[in-house]
Amino acid sequence: MRSTINAPLAPIVVQEALKRGLLCRAVLYDGQDTLAFAPPFIITKEQVEQIIAILHEALLVVGKSL
């Protein structure tokens, strides 16, 4: 059984995403640990897919470190 996570994870995910070229930010508001993105208004499907792939990789890395 895994231990309870007391620290916010969003800042760690942000660091992993940044290592892979994705700029996002952690938002801690009212007890919620979230990520914020600000993609351009004009974005291609391929760019969206790249964002998702990078985020997926970052989440996997953070998840494995728990």
Foldseek 3Di string as FASTA:
>chain_A
DDDDDDDACLVQLQVQLVVVPAHWHWDQDPNDTDIGDDDDPDDDPVRVVVSVVSSVVSVVVSVVVD
